[in-house]
C-alpha atoms as a PDB file:
ATOM      1  CA  MET A   1     -18.327  -0.348   9.809  1.00  0.00           C
ATOM      2  CA  ASP A   2     -14.883   1.253   9.655  1.00  0.00           C
ATOM      3  CA  LYS A   3     -12.917   0.875   6.447  1.00  0.00           C
ATOM      4  CA  GLN A   4      -9.654  -0.991   7.060  1.00  0.00           C
ATOM      5  CA  TYR A   5      -7.469  -1.946   4.116  1.00  0.00           C
ATOM      6  CA  PHE A   6      -3.991  -3.259   3.438  1.00  0.00           C
ATOM      7  CA  LEU A   7      -2.410  -1.146   0.722  1.00  0.00           C
ATOM      8  CA  THR A   8       0.178  -3.005  -1.308  1.00  0.00           C
ATOM      9  CA  GLY A   9       1.695  -2.583  -4.756  1.00  0.00           C
ATOM     10  CA  ILE A  10       2.535  -4.524  -7.872  1.00  0.00           C
ATOM     11  CA  GLY A  11       6.188  -3.843  -7.086  1.00  0.00           C
ATOM     12  CA  THR A  12       8.596  -1.390  -5.515  1.00  0.00           C
ATOM     13  CA  GLY A  13       8.432   2.261  -6.556  1.00  0.00           C
ATOM     14  CA  VAL A  14       4.816   2.330  -7.797  1.00  0.00           C
ATOM     15  CA  GLY A  15       3.806   5.089  -5.380  1.00  0.00           C
ATOM     16  CA  LYS A  16       2.278   3.208  -2.459  1.00  0.00           C
ATOM     17  CA  THR A  17       3.109   5.863   0.118  1.00  0.00           C
ATOM     18  CA  ILE A  18       1.693   8.711  -1.978  1.00  0.00           C
ATOM     19  CA  ALA A  19      -1.433   6.609  -2.547  1.00  0.00           C
ATOM     20  CA  ALA A  20      -1.681   5.840   1.177  1.00  0.00           C
ATOM     21  CA  ALA A  21      -1.398   9.531   2.059  1.00  0.00           C
ATOM     22  CA  ALA A  22      -4.018  10.417  -0.556  1.00  0.00           C
ATOM     23  CA  LEU A  23      -6.548   7.863   0.698  1.00  0.00           C
ATOM     24  CA  ALA A  24      -5.878   8.682   4.345  1.00  0.00           C
ATOM     25  CA  LYS A  25      -6.616  12.328   3.557  1.00  0.00           C
ATOM     26  CA  TYR A  26      -9.591  11.527   1.303  1.00  0.00           C
ATOM     27  CA  TRP A  27     -11.276   9.141   3.746  1.00  0.00           C
ATOM     28  CA  GLY A  28     -10.027  10.731   6.965  1.00  0.00           C
ATOM     29  CA  ALA A  29      -8.327   7.406   7.744  1.00  0.00           C
ATOM     30  CA  ASN A  30      -5.460   6.663  10.104  1.00  0.00           C
ATOM     31  CA  TYR A  31      -2.214   5.117   8.852  1.00  0.00           C
ATOM     32  CA  TRP A  32       0.092   2.281   9.883  1.00  0.00           C
ATOM     33  CA  LYS A  33       3.284   1.003   8.285  1.00  0.00           C
ATOM     34  CA  PRO A  34       4.147  -2.243  10.128  1.00  0.00           C
ATOM     35  CA  ILE A  35       7.727  -2.536   8.779  1.00  0.00           C
ATOM     36  CA  GLN A  36      10.076   0.255   7.703  1.00  0.00           C
ATOM     37  CA  SER A  37      13.355  -0.698   6.043  1.00  0.00           C
ATOM     38  CA  GLY A  38      15.724   2.208   5.492  1.00  0.00           C
ATOM     39  CA  ASP A  39      15.213   5.993   5.387  1.00  0.00           C
ATOM     40  CA  LEU A  40      14.505   6.187   9.107  1.00  0.00           C
ATOM     41  CA  ASP A  41      15.075   9.942   9.047  1.00  0.00           C
ATOM     42  CA  SER A  42      12.529  10.344   6.237  1.00  0.00           C
ATOM     43  CA  SER A  43      10.304   7.293   6.635  1.00  0.00           C
ATOM     44  CA  ASP A  44       7.058   6.518   4.849  1.00  0.00           C
ATOM     45  CA  SER A  45       5.164   7.318   8.051  1.00  0.00           C
ATOM     46  CA  MET A  46       6.815  10.731   8.151  1.00  0.00           C
ATOM     47  CA  LEU A  47       5.919  11.408   4.510  1.00  0.00           C
ATOM     48  CA  VAL A  48       2.264  10.454   5.074  1.00  0.00           C
ATOM     49  CA  ALA A  49       2.126  12.729   8.116  1.00  0.00           C
ATOM     50  CA  GLU A  50       3.624  15.584   6.086  1.00  0.00           C
ATOM     51  CA  LEU A  51       1.308  15.147   3.087  1.00  0.00           C
ATOM     52  CA  ALA A  52      -1.952  14.239   4.810  1.00  0.00           C
ATOM     53  CA  GLY A  53      -1.689  16.754   7.629  1.00  0.00           C
ATOM     54  CA  PRO A  54      -2.607  16.674  11.320  1.00  0.00           C
ATOM     55  CA  GLY A  55      -6.025  15.047  10.843  1.00  0.00           C
ATOM     56  CA  VAL A  56      -4.410  11.657  10.129  1.00  0.00           C
ATOM     57  CA  HIS A  57      -3.125   9.664  13.108  1.00  0.00           C
ATOM     58  CA  ILE A  58       0.080   7.743  12.394  1.00  0.00           C
ATOM     59  CA  TYR A  59       0.603   4.526  14.354  1.00  0.00           C
ATOM     60  CA  PRO A  60       4.230   3.576  15.064  1.00  0.00           C
ATOM     61  CA  GLU A  61       5.965   0.840  13.126  1.00  0.00           C
ATOM     62  CA  VAL A  62       6.485  -2.533  14.786  1.00  0.00           C
ATOM     63  CA  HIS A  63       9.906  -2.948  13.151  1.00  0.00           C
ATOM     64  CA  ARG A  64      12.310  -0.230  11.953  1.00  0.00           C
ATOM     65  CA  PHE A  65      15.537  -1.181  10.202  1.00  0.00           C
ATOM     66  CA  SER A  66      18.273   1.105   8.967  1.00  0.00           C
ATOM     67  CA  VAL A  67      19.255  -0.875   5.853  1.00  0.00           C
ATOM     68  CA  PRO A  68      17.077  -0.144   2.770  1.00  0.00           C
ATOM     69  CA  ALA A  69      16.522  -3.755   1.737  1.00  0.00           C
ATOM     70  CA  SER A  70      13.972  -6.543   1.934  1.00  0.00           C
ATOM     71  CA  PRO A  71      12.645  -6.735   5.518  1.00  0.00           C
ATOM     72  CA  HIS A  72      13.965 -10.251   6.068  1.00  0.00           C
ATOM     73  CA  TYR A  73      17.488  -9.170   5.102  1.00  0.00           C
ATOM     74  CA  SER A  74      17.416  -5.871   7.004  1.00  0.00           C
ATOM     75  CA  ALA A  75      16.174  -7.732  10.067  1.00  0.00           C
ATOM     76  CA  ARG A  76      18.881 -10.382   9.776  1.00  0.00           C
ATOM     77  CA  LEU A  77      21.605  -7.724   9.648  1.00  0.00           C
ATOM     78  CA  GLU A  78      20.280  -6.284  12.909  1.00  0.00           C
ATOM     79  CA  GLY A  79      19.885  -9.660  14.617  1.00  0.00           C
ATOM     80  CA  VAL A  80      16.071  -9.589  14.550  1.00  0.00           C
ATOM     81  CA  ALA A  81      13.709 -12.404  13.536  1.00  0.00           C
ATOM     82  CA  ILE A  82      10.370 -11.111  12.211  1.00  0.00           C
ATOM     83  CA  THR A  83       7.347 -13.345  12.817  1.00  0.00           C
ATOM     84  CA  LEU A  84       3.665 -12.884  11.995  1.00  0.00           C
ATOM     85  CA  ALA A  85       2.916 -12.965  15.720  1.00  0.00           C
ATOM     86  CA  ASP A  86       4.673  -9.582  15.986  1.00  0.00           C
ATOM     87  CA  PHE A  87       1.762  -7.871  14.253  1.00  0.00           C
ATOM     88  CA  GLN A  88      -1.710  -6.999  15.495  1.00  0.00           C
ATOM     89  CA  LEU A  89      -3.937  -4.286  14.075  1.00  0.00           C
ATOM     90  CA  PRO A  90      -3.846  -1.049  16.079  1.00  0.00           C
ATOM     91  CA  GLN A  91      -6.884  -0.353  18.209  1.00  0.00           C
ATOM     92  CA  THR A  92      -8.607   2.452  16.339  1.00  0.00           C
ATOM     93  CA  ASN A  93     -12.084   3.943  16.240  1.00  0.00           C
ATOM     94  CA  GLY A  94     -11.688   5.144  12.670  1.00  0.00           C
ATOM     95  CA  ASP A  95     -10.733   4.009   9.205  1.00  0.00           C
ATOM     96  CA  LEU A  96      -7.238   2.579   8.726  1.00  0.00           C
ATOM     97  CA  ILE A  97      -4.780   2.257   5.859  1.00  0.00           C
ATOM     98  CA  VAL A  98      -2.012  -0.308   6.430  1.00  0.00           C
ATOM     99  CA  GLU A  99       0.915   0.026   4.011  1.00  0.00           C
ATOM    100  CA  GLY A 100       3.109  -2.914   3.121  1.00  0.00           C
ATOM    101  CA  ALA A 101       6.720  -3.052   1.968  1.00  0.00           C
ATOM    102  CA  GLY A 102       7.278  -3.533  -1.753  1.00  0.00           C
ATOM    103  CA  GLY A 103       5.037  -6.116  -3.410  1.00  0.00           C
ATOM    104  CA  LEU A 104       3.173  -9.215  -2.280  1.00  0.00           C
ATOM    105  CA  LEU A 105       6.093 -11.642  -2.300  1.00  0.00           C
ATOM    106  CA  VAL A 106       8.591  -9.479  -0.460  1.00  0.00           C
ATOM    107  CA  PRO A 107       9.875 -11.768   2.310  1.00  0.00           C
ATOM    108  CA  ILE A 108       9.549 -10.853   5.974  1.00  0.00           C
ATOM    109  CA  ASN A 109      11.459 -13.982   7.008  1.00  0.00           C
ATOM    110  CA  GLU A 110      12.753 -17.094   5.275  1.00  0.00           C
ATOM    111  CA  ARG A 111       9.295 -18.639   4.832  1.00  0.00           C
ATOM    112  CA  GLU A 112       6.707 -15.851   4.995  1.00  0.00           C
ATOM    113  CA  PHE A 113       5.941 -12.885   2.797  1.00  0.00           C
ATOM    114  CA  ILE A 114       3.912  -9.675   2.736  1.00  0.00           C
ATOM    115  CA  ILE A 115       0.953 -11.662   1.381  1.00  0.00           C
ATOM    116  CA  ASP A 116       1.116 -13.813   4.534  1.00  0.00           C
ATOM    117  CA  LEU A 117       1.034 -10.660   6.660  1.00  0.00           C
ATOM    118  CA  ILE A 118      -2.082  -9.505   4.782  1.00  0.00           C
ATOM    119  CA  ALA A 119      -3.797 -12.842   5.453  1.00  0.00           C
ATOM    120  CA  HIS A 120      -2.691 -12.728   9.099  1.00  0.00           C
ATOM    121  CA  LEU A 121      -4.248  -9.285   9.572  1.00  0.00           C
ATOM    122  CA  GLY A 122      -7.427 -10.352   7.762  1.00  0.00           C
ATOM    123  CA  LEU A 123      -7.731  -7.253   5.584  1.00  0.00           C
ATOM    124  CA  ALA A 124      -8.987  -6.632   2.070  1.00  0.00           C
ATOM    125  CA  VAL A 125      -6.438  -5.134  -0.296  1.00  0.00           C
ATOM    126  CA  ILE A 126      -5.950  -1.905  -2.170  1.00  0.00           C
ATOM    127  CA  LEU A 127      -3.553  -2.832  -4.998  1.00  0.00           C
ATOM    128  CA  VAL A 128      -1.525   0.108  -6.294  1.00  0.00           C
ATOM    129  CA  CYS A 129      -0.674  -0.106  -9.992  1.00  0.00           C
ATOM    130  CA  SER A 130       1.272   2.243 -12.231  1.00  0.00           C
ATOM    131  CA  ASP A 131       1.684   2.083 -15.995  1.00  0.00           C
ATOM    132  CA  TYR A 132       5.140   1.016 -17.192  1.00  0.00           C
ATOM    133  CA  LEU A 133       6.578  -1.662 -19.450  1.00  0.00           C
ATOM    134  CA  GLY A 134       5.631  -4.939 -17.745  1.00  0.00           C
ATOM    135  CA  SER A 135       3.049  -3.428 -15.396  1.00  0.00           C
ATOM    136  CA  ILE A 136       0.121  -5.373 -16.843  1.00  0.00           C
ATOM    137  CA  ASN A 137       1.944  -8.642 -16.167  1.00  0.00           C
ATOM    138  CA  HIS A 138       2.862  -7.532 -12.643  1.00  0.00           C
ATOM    139  CA  SER A 139      -0.698  -6.362 -11.963  1.00  0.00           C
ATOM    140  CA  LEU A 140      -2.368  -9.559 -13.149  1.00  0.00           C
ATOM    141  CA  LEU A 141       0.136 -11.785 -11.343  1.00  0.00           C
ATOM    142  CA  SER A 142      -0.570  -9.859  -8.139  1.00  0.00           C
ATOM    143  CA  ILE A 143      -4.317 -10.236  -8.631  1.00  0.00           C
ATOM    144  CA  GLU A 144      -3.970 -13.975  -9.262  1.00  0.00           C
ATOM    145  CA  SER A 145      -1.818 -14.399  -6.133  1.00  0.00           C
ATOM    146  CA  LEU A 146      -4.445 -12.662  -4.006  1.00  0.00           C
ATOM    147  CA  LYS A 147      -7.259 -14.696  -5.562  1.00  0.00           C
ATOM    148  CA  ALA A 148      -5.377 -17.926  -4.851  1.00  0.00           C
ATOM    149  CA  ARG A 149      -5.155 -16.996  -1.177  1.00  0.00           C
ATOM    150  CA  GLY A 150      -8.802 -15.941  -0.973  1.00  0.00           C
ATOM    151  CA  ILE A 151      -7.830 -12.350  -0.150  1.00  0.00           C
ATOM    152  CA  PRO A 152     -10.397  -9.850  -1.480  1.00  0.00           C
ATOM    153  CA  VAL A 153      -9.217  -6.951  -3.625  1.00  0.00           C
ATOM    154  CA  ALA A 154     -11.394  -3.998  -2.701  1.00  0.00           C
ATOM    155  CA  TYR A 155      -9.723  -1.522  -5.054  1.00  0.00           C
ATOM    156  CA  LEU A 156      -7.207  -1.280  -7.857  1.00  0.00           C
ATOM    157  CA  LEU A 157      -5.566   2.127  -7.574  1.00  0.00           C
ATOM    158  CA  LEU A 158      -4.099   3.490 -10.813  1.00  0.00           C
ATOM    159  CA  ASN A 159      -1.380   5.851  -9.700  1.00  0.00           C
ATOM    160  CA  GLY A 160      -0.576   8.480 -12.334  1.00  0.00           C
ATOM    161  CA  GLU A 161      -1.239   8.324 -16.030  1.00  0.00           C
ATOM    162  CA  ALA A 162      -2.354   5.038 -17.598  1.00  0.00           C
ATOM    163  CA  ASN A 163      -3.068   4.537 -21.280  1.00  0.00           C
ATOM    164  CA  ALA A 164      -6.491   3.371 -22.396  1.00  0.00           C
ATOM    165  CA  SER A 165      -5.279  -0.107 -23.353  1.00  0.00           C
ATOM    166  CA  THR A 166      -3.769  -0.747 -19.919  1.00  0.00           C
ATOM    167  CA  ARG A 167      -6.899   0.520 -18.187  1.00  0.00           C
ATOM    168  CA  ALA A 168      -9.112  -1.673 -20.365  1.00  0.00           C
ATOM    169  CA  ILE A 169      -7.167  -4.851 -19.593  1.00  0.00           C
ATOM    170  CA  LEU A 170      -7.133  -4.172 -15.848  1.00  0.00           C
ATOM    171  CA  ARG A 171     -10.842  -3.354 -15.849  1.00  0.00           C
ATOM    172  CA  GLU A 172     -11.665  -6.528 -17.793  1.00  0.00           C
ATOM    173  CA  ASN A 173      -9.526  -8.786 -15.593  1.00  0.00           C
ATOM    174  CA  LYS A 174      -9.972  -7.302 -12.130  1.00  0.00           C
ATOM    175  CA  PRO A 175     -11.859  -9.250  -9.455  1.00  0.00           C
ATOM    176  CA  VAL A 176     -15.601  -8.666  -9.683  1.00  0.00           C
ATOM    177  CA  GLU A 177     -15.690  -7.055  -6.241  1.00  0.00           C
ATOM    178  CA  SER A 178     -12.984  -4.531  -7.061  1.00  0.00           C
ATOM    179  CA  LYS A 179     -13.508  -0.865  -7.780  1.00  0.00           C
ATOM    180  CA  ILE A 180     -10.970   1.280  -9.609  1.00  0.00           C
ATOM    181  CA  ILE A 181      -9.457   4.398  -8.075  1.00  0.00           C
ATOM    182  CA  THR A 182      -7.669   6.816 -10.391  1.00  0.00           C
ATOM    183  CA  LEU A 183      -5.186   9.130  -8.660  1.00  0.00           C
ATOM    184  CA  PRO A 184      -3.468  11.753 -10.845  1.00  0.00           C
ATOM    185  CA  LYS A 185       0.267  12.277 -10.504  1.00  0.00           C
ATOM    186  CA  LEU A 186       1.035  14.933  -7.918  1.00  0.00           C
ATOM    187  CA  ALA A 187       2.366  18.151  -9.432  1.00  0.00           C
ATOM    188  CA  ALA A 188       4.397  18.631  -6.236  1.00  0.00           C
ATOM    189  CA  ILE A 189       5.111  16.289  -3.337  1.00  0.00           C
ATOM    190  CA  ASN A 190       3.532  18.473  -0.668  1.00  0.00           C
ATOM    191  CA  GLN A 191       0.134  19.105   0.923  1.00  0.00           C
ATOM    192  CA  GLN A 192      -0.931  21.453  -1.854  1.00  0.00           C
ATOM    193  CA  GLY A 193       0.019  18.932  -4.524  1.00  0.00           C
ATOM    194  CA  LEU A 194      -1.895  16.192  -2.727  1.00  0.00           C
ATOM    195  CA  GLU A 195      -4.994  18.350  -2.266  1.00  0.00           C
ATOM    196  CA  LYS A 196      -4.957  19.268  -5.954  1.00  0.00           C
ATOM    197  CA  ALA A 197      -4.707  15.615  -6.983  1.00  0.00           C
ATOM    198  CA  LEU A 198      -7.577  14.703  -4.645  1.00  0.00           C
ATOM    199  CA  GLU A 199      -9.818  17.134  -6.502  1.00  0.00           C
ATOM    200  CA  GLU A 200      -9.424  14.858  -9.542  1.00  0.00           C
ATOM    201  CA  LEU A 201      -9.471  11.480  -7.751  1.00  0.00           C
ATOM    202  CA  LYS A 202     -12.107   9.169  -9.215  1.00  0.00           C
ATOM    203  CA  ILE A 203     -13.635   5.922  -7.923  1.00  0.00           C
ATOM    204  CA  GLU A 204     -15.544   3.744 -10.385  1.00  0.00           C
ATOM    205  CA  GLN A 205     -16.813   0.181 -10.644  1.00  0.00           C
END
């Protein structure tokens, strides 16, 4: 059965797109970013294509907004109303990584959030974590939100360095079904940097 996951993060700026590119390259998976807000000339889809190379098929975004803000606000400024009915998984014969915008409770409209989009698409989650002051709280809150919605967490992905104490707490409190992926920080944001990091990528129970 093909692997299809929704990759989300514990917040904004934790390295979701780098993680998505790494896993797409590692698994030979295709990539889809349903909503892009801002940076249309250097979008997340463009970065994944650049880092992962030609073997990864990039599906087009459903919504693209020029303002770098929450999707609901960017959409409102452009006179667009986002609904869950806008989104259906691409027809693909291979593995698929779907990347969200920001964290789980980023709104896509006045009543629905990224976590609702995950449930709508029916995918298990890869939760990207990084180690910073407050990250344990953000990680565990994200895990609890997913548990409450009955959304399985297939992997916790530790992006970059994480101290032993942080790793121990996440390992002890992760969902039982979750595995842990460790992805080293890229020495350079290019194909060579990604390939080097993939040599040290680890997946453990």
